[in-house]
Amino acid sequence: MKGAIWFRLAVGTLAATAAVALACSGSSTSTPSGPPPSATTITITAAGANPRTLTVPPGTQITFVNNDSVAHEMFSDPHPEHTDCPEFDSVGHLAPGAMRQTQNLTTIRVCGFHDHINPFVTSLTGSIRIQ
């Protein structure tokens, strides 16, 4: 009888140890060095981009959502070079109903943006201050 109790105790302890080891190893990734980048959305409608100005911390990604019935192409200023903030240029063409994100905005600066198809329509222009 004592042998059966010790056997059950040993098996129980071994199972608990294995469960803890499995839970600790899991599929975790390395701990990030800081807070995750935040995400902010700019919505495009027939009335224009909203909001047109934002202030965000470094590491932020901006999501552009096209709720208009026509396509837009969102790029950084100046037109047509698009050289101020290359992270914006990953947005590019937005079909109606589409959404796309910029890359992480890591450099402290002001990034102007515009619709490449309608670069001088002020309601489709704006700026993001990274600080």
N, C-alpha and C. Protein backbone atom coordinates (compact mmCIF):
# COMPACT_ATOMS: atom_id res chain seq x y z
N MET A 1 0.82 -1.20 0.00
CA MET A 1 0.00 0.00 0.00
C MET A 1 0.86 1.26 0.00
N LYS A 2 1.94 1.27 0.85
CA LYS A 2 2.81 2.43 0.87
C LYS A 2 3.45 2.65 -0.48
N GLY A 3 3.80 1.57 -1.16
CA GLY A 3 4.44 1.67 -2.47
C GLY A 3 3.51 2.34 -3.48
N ALA A 4 2.22 2.03 -3.44
CA ALA A 4 1.25 2.62 -4.37
C ALA A 4 1.08 4.11 -4.10
N ILE A 5 1.09 4.50 -2.83
CA ILE A 5 0.95 5.92 -2.47
C ILE A 5 2.17 6.68 -2.96
N TRP A 6 3.37 6.13 -2.73
CA TRP A 6 4.59 6.80 -3.19
C TRP A 6 4.62 6.89 -4.71
N PHE A 7 4.15 5.84 -5.37
CA PHE A 7 4.12 5.85 -6.83
C PHE A 7 3.19 6.97 -7.33
N ARG A 8 1.98 7.07 -6.74
CA ARG A 8 1.03 8.12 -7.15
C ARG A 8 1.60 9.50 -6.88
N LEU A 9 2.26 9.67 -5.75
CA LEU A 9 2.86 10.95 -5.40
C LEU A 9 3.96 11.31 -6.40
N ALA A 10 4.78 10.36 -6.76
CA ALA A 10 5.87 10.60 -7.71
C ALA A 10 5.30 10.95 -9.09
N VAL A 11 4.30 10.21 -9.53
CA VAL A 11 3.68 10.48 -10.84
C VAL A 11 3.01 11.85 -10.83
N GLY A 12 2.32 12.18 -9.76
CA GLY A 12 1.67 13.49 -9.65
C GLY A 12 2.67 14.63 -9.68
N THR A 13 3.79 14.47 -8.96
CA THR A 13 4.83 15.49 -8.93
C THR A 13 5.46 15.64 -10.32
N LEU A 14 5.72 14.53 -10.98
CA LEU A 14 6.31 14.56 -12.32
C LEU A 14 5.35 15.24 -13.31
N ALA A 15 4.07 14.95 -13.23
CA ALA A 15 3.10 15.57 -14.13
C ALA A 15 3.00 17.07 -13.88
N ALA A 16 3.01 17.48 -12.63
CA ALA A 16 2.94 18.91 -12.31
C ALA A 16 4.18 19.63 -12.81
N THR A 17 5.35 19.00 -12.64
CA THR A 17 6.60 19.60 -13.12
C THR A 17 6.57 19.74 -14.64
N ALA A 18 6.10 18.74 -15.33
CA ALA A 18 6.01 18.79 -16.80
C ALA A 18 5.04 19.88 -17.24
N ALA A 19 3.92 20.02 -16.56
CA ALA A 19 2.95 21.05 -16.92
C ALA A 19 3.53 22.45 -16.74
N VAL A 20 4.25 22.66 -15.65
CA VAL A 20 4.88 23.96 -15.42
C VAL A 20 5.93 24.23 -16.48
N ALA A 21 6.75 23.25 -16.81
CA ALA A 21 7.79 23.42 -17.82
C ALA A 21 7.18 23.73 -19.18
N LEU A 22 6.11 23.04 -19.52
CA LEU A 22 5.43 23.28 -20.79
C LEU A 22 4.83 24.67 -20.83
N ALA A 23 4.21 25.10 -19.76
CA ALA A 23 3.61 26.43 -19.70
C ALA A 23 4.67 27.51 -19.80
N CYS A 24 5.81 27.30 -19.20
CA CYS A 24 6.87 28.30 -19.23
C CYS A 24 7.57 28.36 -20.57
N SER A 25 7.67 27.23 -21.27
CA SER A 25 8.36 27.25 -22.55
C SER A 25 7.45 27.75 -23.64
N GLY A 26 6.21 27.36 -23.65
CA GLY A 26 5.19 27.82 -24.59
C GLY A 26 5.72 28.25 -25.94
N SER A 27 5.05 29.19 -26.56
CA SER A 27 5.48 29.72 -27.85
C SER A 27 5.72 31.21 -27.72
N SER A 28 6.24 31.61 -26.58
CA SER A 28 6.44 33.04 -26.36
C SER A 28 7.62 33.54 -27.18
N THR A 29 7.58 34.81 -27.48
CA THR A 29 8.68 35.46 -28.18
C THR A 29 9.44 36.30 -27.18
N SER A 30 10.53 36.90 -27.62
CA SER A 30 11.30 37.71 -26.70
C SER A 30 10.50 38.92 -26.25
N THR A 31 10.79 39.37 -25.06
CA THR A 31 10.10 40.52 -24.50
C THR A 31 10.53 41.79 -25.24
N PRO A 32 9.58 42.59 -25.73
CA PRO A 32 9.96 43.82 -26.42
C PRO A 32 10.65 44.79 -25.47
N SER A 33 11.52 45.64 -26.04
CA SER A 33 12.27 46.56 -25.20
C SER A 33 11.46 47.77 -24.78
N GLY A 34 10.33 47.98 -25.36
CA GLY A 34 9.49 49.12 -25.01
C GLY A 34 8.04 48.81 -25.34
N PRO A 35 7.17 49.81 -25.22
CA PRO A 35 5.77 49.56 -25.53
C PRO A 35 5.61 49.30 -27.02
N PRO A 36 4.60 48.51 -27.41
CA PRO A 36 4.39 48.24 -28.83
C PRO A 36 3.98 49.53 -29.56
N PRO A 37 4.29 49.60 -30.86
CA PRO A 37 3.88 50.80 -31.60
C PRO A 37 2.36 50.96 -31.56
N SER A 38 1.92 52.17 -31.47
CA SER A 38 0.48 52.40 -31.48
C SER A 38 0.01 52.53 -32.92
N ALA A 39 -1.26 52.44 -33.14
CA ALA A 39 -1.83 52.57 -34.48
C ALA A 39 -2.87 53.67 -34.46
N THR A 40 -2.90 54.46 -35.50
CA THR A 40 -3.84 55.56 -35.62
C THR A 40 -4.44 55.48 -37.01
N THR A 41 -5.72 55.85 -37.13
CA THR A 41 -6.42 55.72 -38.40
C THR A 41 -6.78 57.07 -38.98
N ILE A 42 -6.55 57.21 -40.29
CA ILE A 42 -7.03 58.35 -41.07
C ILE A 42 -8.01 57.78 -42.08
N THR A 43 -9.22 58.30 -42.05
CA THR A 43 -10.28 57.83 -42.94
C THR A 43 -10.45 58.81 -44.09
N ILE A 44 -10.54 58.28 -45.30
CA ILE A 44 -10.74 59.11 -46.49
C ILE A 44 -12.17 58.91 -46.98
N THR A 45 -12.88 60.02 -47.13
CA THR A 45 -14.24 60.00 -47.65
C THR A 45 -14.33 61.01 -48.79
N ALA A 46 -15.50 61.19 -49.35
CA ALA A 46 -15.69 62.19 -50.40
C ALA A 46 -15.38 63.59 -49.87
N ALA A 47 -15.50 63.80 -48.57
CA ALA A 47 -15.22 65.11 -47.97
C ALA A 47 -13.73 65.33 -47.74
N GLY A 48 -12.90 64.26 -47.80
CA GLY A 48 -11.47 64.40 -47.61
C GLY A 48 -10.93 63.47 -46.54
N ALA A 49 -9.70 63.74 -46.12
CA ALA A 49 -9.03 62.93 -45.09
C ALA A 49 -9.43 63.44 -43.72
N ASN A 50 -9.67 62.51 -42.78
CA ASN A 50 -10.08 62.89 -41.44
C ASN A 50 -9.46 61.91 -40.43
N PRO A 51 -8.66 62.40 -39.49
CA PRO A 51 -8.23 63.78 -39.29
C PRO A 51 -7.12 64.13 -40.29
N ARG A 52 -6.91 65.41 -40.47
CA ARG A 52 -5.88 65.88 -41.39
C ARG A 52 -4.57 66.16 -40.68
N THR A 53 -4.60 66.32 -39.37
CA THR A 53 -3.37 66.52 -38.60
C THR A 53 -3.40 65.61 -37.38
N LEU A 54 -2.25 65.02 -37.09
CA LEU A 54 -2.10 64.14 -35.94
C LEU A 54 -0.74 64.37 -35.31
N THR A 55 -0.66 64.13 -34.02
CA THR A 55 0.61 64.09 -33.31
C THR A 55 0.70 62.72 -32.68
N VAL A 56 1.79 62.01 -32.98
CA VAL A 56 1.94 60.62 -32.53
C VAL A 56 3.35 60.41 -31.96
N PRO A 57 3.51 59.40 -31.11
CA PRO A 57 4.85 59.08 -30.60
C PRO A 57 5.64 58.29 -31.64
N PRO A 58 6.96 58.29 -31.54
CA PRO A 58 7.77 57.47 -32.44
C PRO A 58 7.35 56.01 -32.35
N GLY A 59 7.41 55.31 -33.48
CA GLY A 59 7.02 53.90 -33.54
C GLY A 59 5.59 53.69 -34.00
N THR A 60 4.84 54.77 -34.17
CA THR A 60 3.43 54.67 -34.56
C THR A 60 3.30 54.28 -36.03
N GLN A 61 2.27 53.52 -36.32
CA GLN A 61 1.88 53.24 -37.70
C GLN A 61 0.54 53.93 -37.93
N ILE A 62 0.38 54.51 -39.10
CA ILE A 62 -0.87 55.16 -39.47
C ILE A 62 -1.60 54.25 -40.45
N THR A 63 -2.87 53.98 -40.17
CA THR A 63 -3.70 53.19 -41.08
C THR A 63 -4.57 54.15 -41.86
N PHE A 64 -4.52 54.05 -43.17
CA PHE A 64 -5.39 54.83 -44.06
C PHE A 64 -6.52 53.91 -44.51
N VAL A 65 -7.76 54.39 -44.34
CA VAL A 65 -8.94 53.64 -44.74
C VAL A 65 -9.66 54.44 -45.81
N ASN A 66 -9.92 53.84 -46.96
CA ASN A 66 -10.62 54.53 -48.04
C ASN A 66 -12.11 54.20 -47.99
N ASN A 67 -12.88 55.10 -47.40
CA ASN A 67 -14.34 54.94 -47.37
C ASN A 67 -15.01 55.76 -48.46
N ASP A 68 -14.23 56.19 -49.45
CA ASP A 68 -14.75 56.93 -50.59
C ASP A 68 -15.14 55.93 -51.69
N SER A 69 -15.86 56.41 -52.69
CA SER A 69 -16.28 55.54 -53.80
C SER A 69 -15.26 55.53 -54.93
N VAL A 70 -14.16 56.29 -54.79
CA VAL A 70 -13.10 56.32 -55.80
C VAL A 70 -11.76 55.99 -55.16
N ALA A 71 -10.82 55.58 -55.99
CA ALA A 71 -9.48 55.23 -55.49
C ALA A 71 -8.70 56.48 -55.10
N HIS A 72 -7.76 56.30 -54.16
CA HIS A 72 -6.84 57.35 -53.74
C HIS A 72 -5.45 56.72 -53.66
N GLU A 73 -4.43 57.56 -53.77
CA GLU A 73 -3.05 57.11 -53.64
C GLU A 73 -2.35 58.02 -52.64
N MET A 74 -2.18 57.53 -51.41
CA MET A 74 -1.65 58.34 -50.33
C MET A 74 -0.13 58.18 -50.24
N PHE A 75 0.57 59.32 -50.37
CA PHE A 75 2.03 59.36 -50.33
C PHE A 75 2.48 60.54 -49.49
N SER A 76 3.77 60.52 -49.14
CA SER A 76 4.35 61.64 -48.40
C SER A 76 4.64 62.80 -49.33
N ASP A 77 4.76 63.98 -48.75
CA ASP A 77 5.14 65.17 -49.52
C ASP A 77 6.62 65.08 -49.85
N PRO A 78 7.14 65.91 -50.73
CA PRO A 78 6.41 66.78 -51.65
C PRO A 78 5.96 65.98 -52.88
N HIS A 79 5.01 66.54 -53.58
CA HIS A 79 4.53 65.93 -54.81
C HIS A 79 5.41 66.41 -55.95
N PRO A 80 5.86 65.62 -56.86
CA PRO A 80 5.64 64.18 -57.03
C PRO A 80 6.76 63.30 -56.49
N GLU A 81 7.74 63.89 -55.78
CA GLU A 81 8.91 63.10 -55.34
C GLU A 81 8.62 62.12 -54.21
N HIS A 82 7.76 62.54 -53.25
CA HIS A 82 7.39 61.69 -52.10
C HIS A 82 8.61 61.30 -51.27
N THR A 83 9.46 62.25 -50.96
CA THR A 83 10.71 61.94 -50.26
C THR A 83 10.74 62.33 -48.78
N ASP A 84 9.75 63.08 -48.29
CA ASP A 84 9.79 63.54 -46.89
C ASP A 84 9.74 62.39 -45.88
N CYS A 85 8.86 61.47 -46.08
CA CYS A 85 8.67 60.36 -45.14
C CYS A 85 8.42 59.07 -45.92
N PRO A 86 9.48 58.39 -46.30
CA PRO A 86 9.33 57.16 -47.09
C PRO A 86 8.43 56.12 -46.43
N GLU A 87 8.29 56.17 -45.08
CA GLU A 87 7.42 55.20 -44.38
C GLU A 87 5.97 55.31 -44.84
N PHE A 88 5.55 56.49 -45.32
CA PHE A 88 4.18 56.68 -45.80
C PHE A 88 3.95 55.98 -47.12
N ASP A 89 5.00 55.86 -47.91
CA ASP A 89 4.84 55.40 -49.27
C ASP A 89 4.43 53.93 -49.38
N SER A 90 4.43 53.21 -48.26
CA SER A 90 3.95 51.84 -48.27
C SER A 90 2.43 51.79 -48.38
N VAL A 91 1.77 52.93 -48.17
CA VAL A 91 0.30 52.97 -48.30
C VAL A 91 -0.07 52.91 -49.78
N GLY A 92 0.38 53.87 -50.56
CA GLY A 92 0.17 53.84 -52.01
C GLY A 92 -1.30 53.78 -52.40
N HIS A 93 -1.60 52.92 -53.37
CA HIS A 93 -2.94 52.83 -53.96
C HIS A 93 -3.95 52.23 -52.98
N LEU A 94 -5.06 52.94 -52.84
CA LEU A 94 -6.17 52.47 -51.99
C LEU A 94 -7.44 52.41 -52.83
N ALA A 95 -7.86 51.23 -53.19
CA ALA A 95 -9.14 51.05 -53.88
C ALA A 95 -10.27 51.40 -52.89
N PRO A 96 -11.46 51.69 -53.39
CA PRO A 96 -12.58 51.93 -52.47
C PRO A 96 -12.75 50.76 -51.50
N GLY A 97 -12.86 51.08 -50.21
CA GLY A 97 -13.03 50.06 -49.18
C GLY A 97 -11.73 49.47 -48.66
N ALA A 98 -10.60 49.81 -49.26
CA ALA A 98 -9.31 49.24 -48.85
C ALA A 98 -8.71 50.00 -47.67
N MET A 99 -7.80 49.34 -46.97
CA MET A 99 -7.04 49.98 -45.90
C MET A 99 -5.61 49.46 -45.95
N ARG A 100 -4.66 50.35 -45.66
CA ARG A 100 -3.25 49.99 -45.63
C ARG A 100 -2.54 50.83 -44.58
N GLN A 101 -1.44 50.29 -44.06
CA GLN A 101 -0.68 50.98 -43.01
C GLN A 101 0.65 51.49 -43.52
N THR A 102 1.08 52.57 -42.88
CA THR A 102 2.45 53.04 -43.08
C THR A 102 3.37 52.08 -42.36
N GLN A 103 4.64 52.22 -42.61
CA GLN A 103 5.61 51.53 -41.78
C GLN A 103 5.70 52.31 -40.47
N ASN A 104 6.46 51.80 -39.50
CA ASN A 104 6.63 52.51 -38.23
C ASN A 104 7.30 53.86 -38.48
N LEU A 105 6.70 54.91 -37.95
CA LEU A 105 7.26 56.26 -38.07
C LEU A 105 8.19 56.47 -36.88
N THR A 106 9.48 56.32 -37.10
CA THR A 106 10.43 56.32 -35.99
C THR A 106 11.24 57.59 -35.86
N THR A 107 11.31 58.39 -36.92
CA THR A 107 12.11 59.62 -36.88
C THR A 107 11.25 60.79 -36.42
N ILE A 108 11.73 61.55 -35.45
CA ILE A 108 10.99 62.71 -34.96
C ILE A 108 11.05 63.80 -36.03
N ARG A 109 9.88 64.17 -36.54
CA ARG A 109 9.76 65.15 -37.63
C ARG A 109 8.28 65.36 -37.94
N VAL A 110 8.00 66.19 -38.92
CA VAL A 110 6.64 66.38 -39.42
C VAL A 110 6.59 65.79 -40.82
N CYS A 111 5.63 64.90 -41.04
CA CYS A 111 5.45 64.25 -42.34
C CYS A 111 4.17 64.78 -42.98
N GLY A 112 4.32 65.46 -44.10
CA GLY A 112 3.15 65.86 -44.86
C GLY A 112 2.71 64.71 -45.75
N PHE A 113 1.41 64.63 -46.03
CA PHE A 113 0.91 63.60 -46.95
C PHE A 113 -0.12 64.21 -47.89
N HIS A 114 -0.34 63.53 -49.00
CA HIS A 114 -1.32 63.98 -49.99
C HIS A 114 -1.77 62.79 -50.82
N ASP A 115 -2.84 63.01 -51.58
CA ASP A 115 -3.33 62.02 -52.54
C ASP A 115 -2.60 62.30 -53.85
N HIS A 116 -1.80 61.37 -54.30
CA HIS A 116 -1.02 61.56 -55.52
C HIS A 116 -1.92 61.80 -56.74
N ILE A 117 -3.11 61.23 -56.74
CA ILE A 117 -4.05 61.43 -57.86
C ILE A 117 -4.59 62.85 -57.85
N ASN A 118 -4.80 63.41 -56.66
CA ASN A 118 -5.35 64.77 -56.49
C ASN A 118 -4.44 65.55 -55.55
N PRO A 119 -3.19 65.84 -55.94
CA PRO A 119 -2.22 66.40 -55.00
C PRO A 119 -2.54 67.80 -54.49
N PHE A 120 -3.38 68.54 -55.20
CA PHE A 120 -3.65 69.91 -54.79
C PHE A 120 -5.04 70.09 -54.20
N VAL A 121 -5.73 69.00 -53.93
CA VAL A 121 -7.02 69.05 -53.25
C VAL A 121 -6.70 69.07 -51.76
N THR A 122 -6.85 70.24 -51.15
CA THR A 122 -6.40 70.43 -49.76
C THR A 122 -7.11 69.51 -48.76
N SER A 123 -8.33 69.11 -49.06
CA SER A 123 -9.02 68.21 -48.12
C SER A 123 -8.41 66.82 -48.10
N LEU A 124 -7.53 66.52 -49.07
CA LEU A 124 -6.86 65.22 -49.14
C LEU A 124 -5.38 65.33 -48.77
N THR A 125 -5.02 66.43 -48.10
CA THR A 125 -3.65 66.64 -47.63
C THR A 125 -3.67 66.69 -46.11
N GLY A 126 -2.52 66.53 -45.52
CA GLY A 126 -2.44 66.63 -44.07
C GLY A 126 -1.02 66.47 -43.59
N SER A 127 -0.87 66.36 -42.28
CA SER A 127 0.46 66.18 -41.71
C SER A 127 0.40 65.38 -40.41
N ILE A 128 1.48 64.66 -40.19
CA ILE A 128 1.65 63.86 -38.99
C ILE A 128 2.90 64.36 -38.29
N ARG A 129 2.76 64.77 -37.05
CA ARG A 129 3.92 65.20 -36.25
C ARG A 129 4.32 64.02 -35.38
N ILE A 130 5.56 63.56 -35.57
CA ILE A 130 6.10 62.47 -34.76
C ILE A 130 6.96 63.10 -33.69
N GLN A 131 6.58 62.95 -32.41
CA GLN A 131 7.34 63.55 -31.31
C GLN A 131 7.24 62.74 -30.04
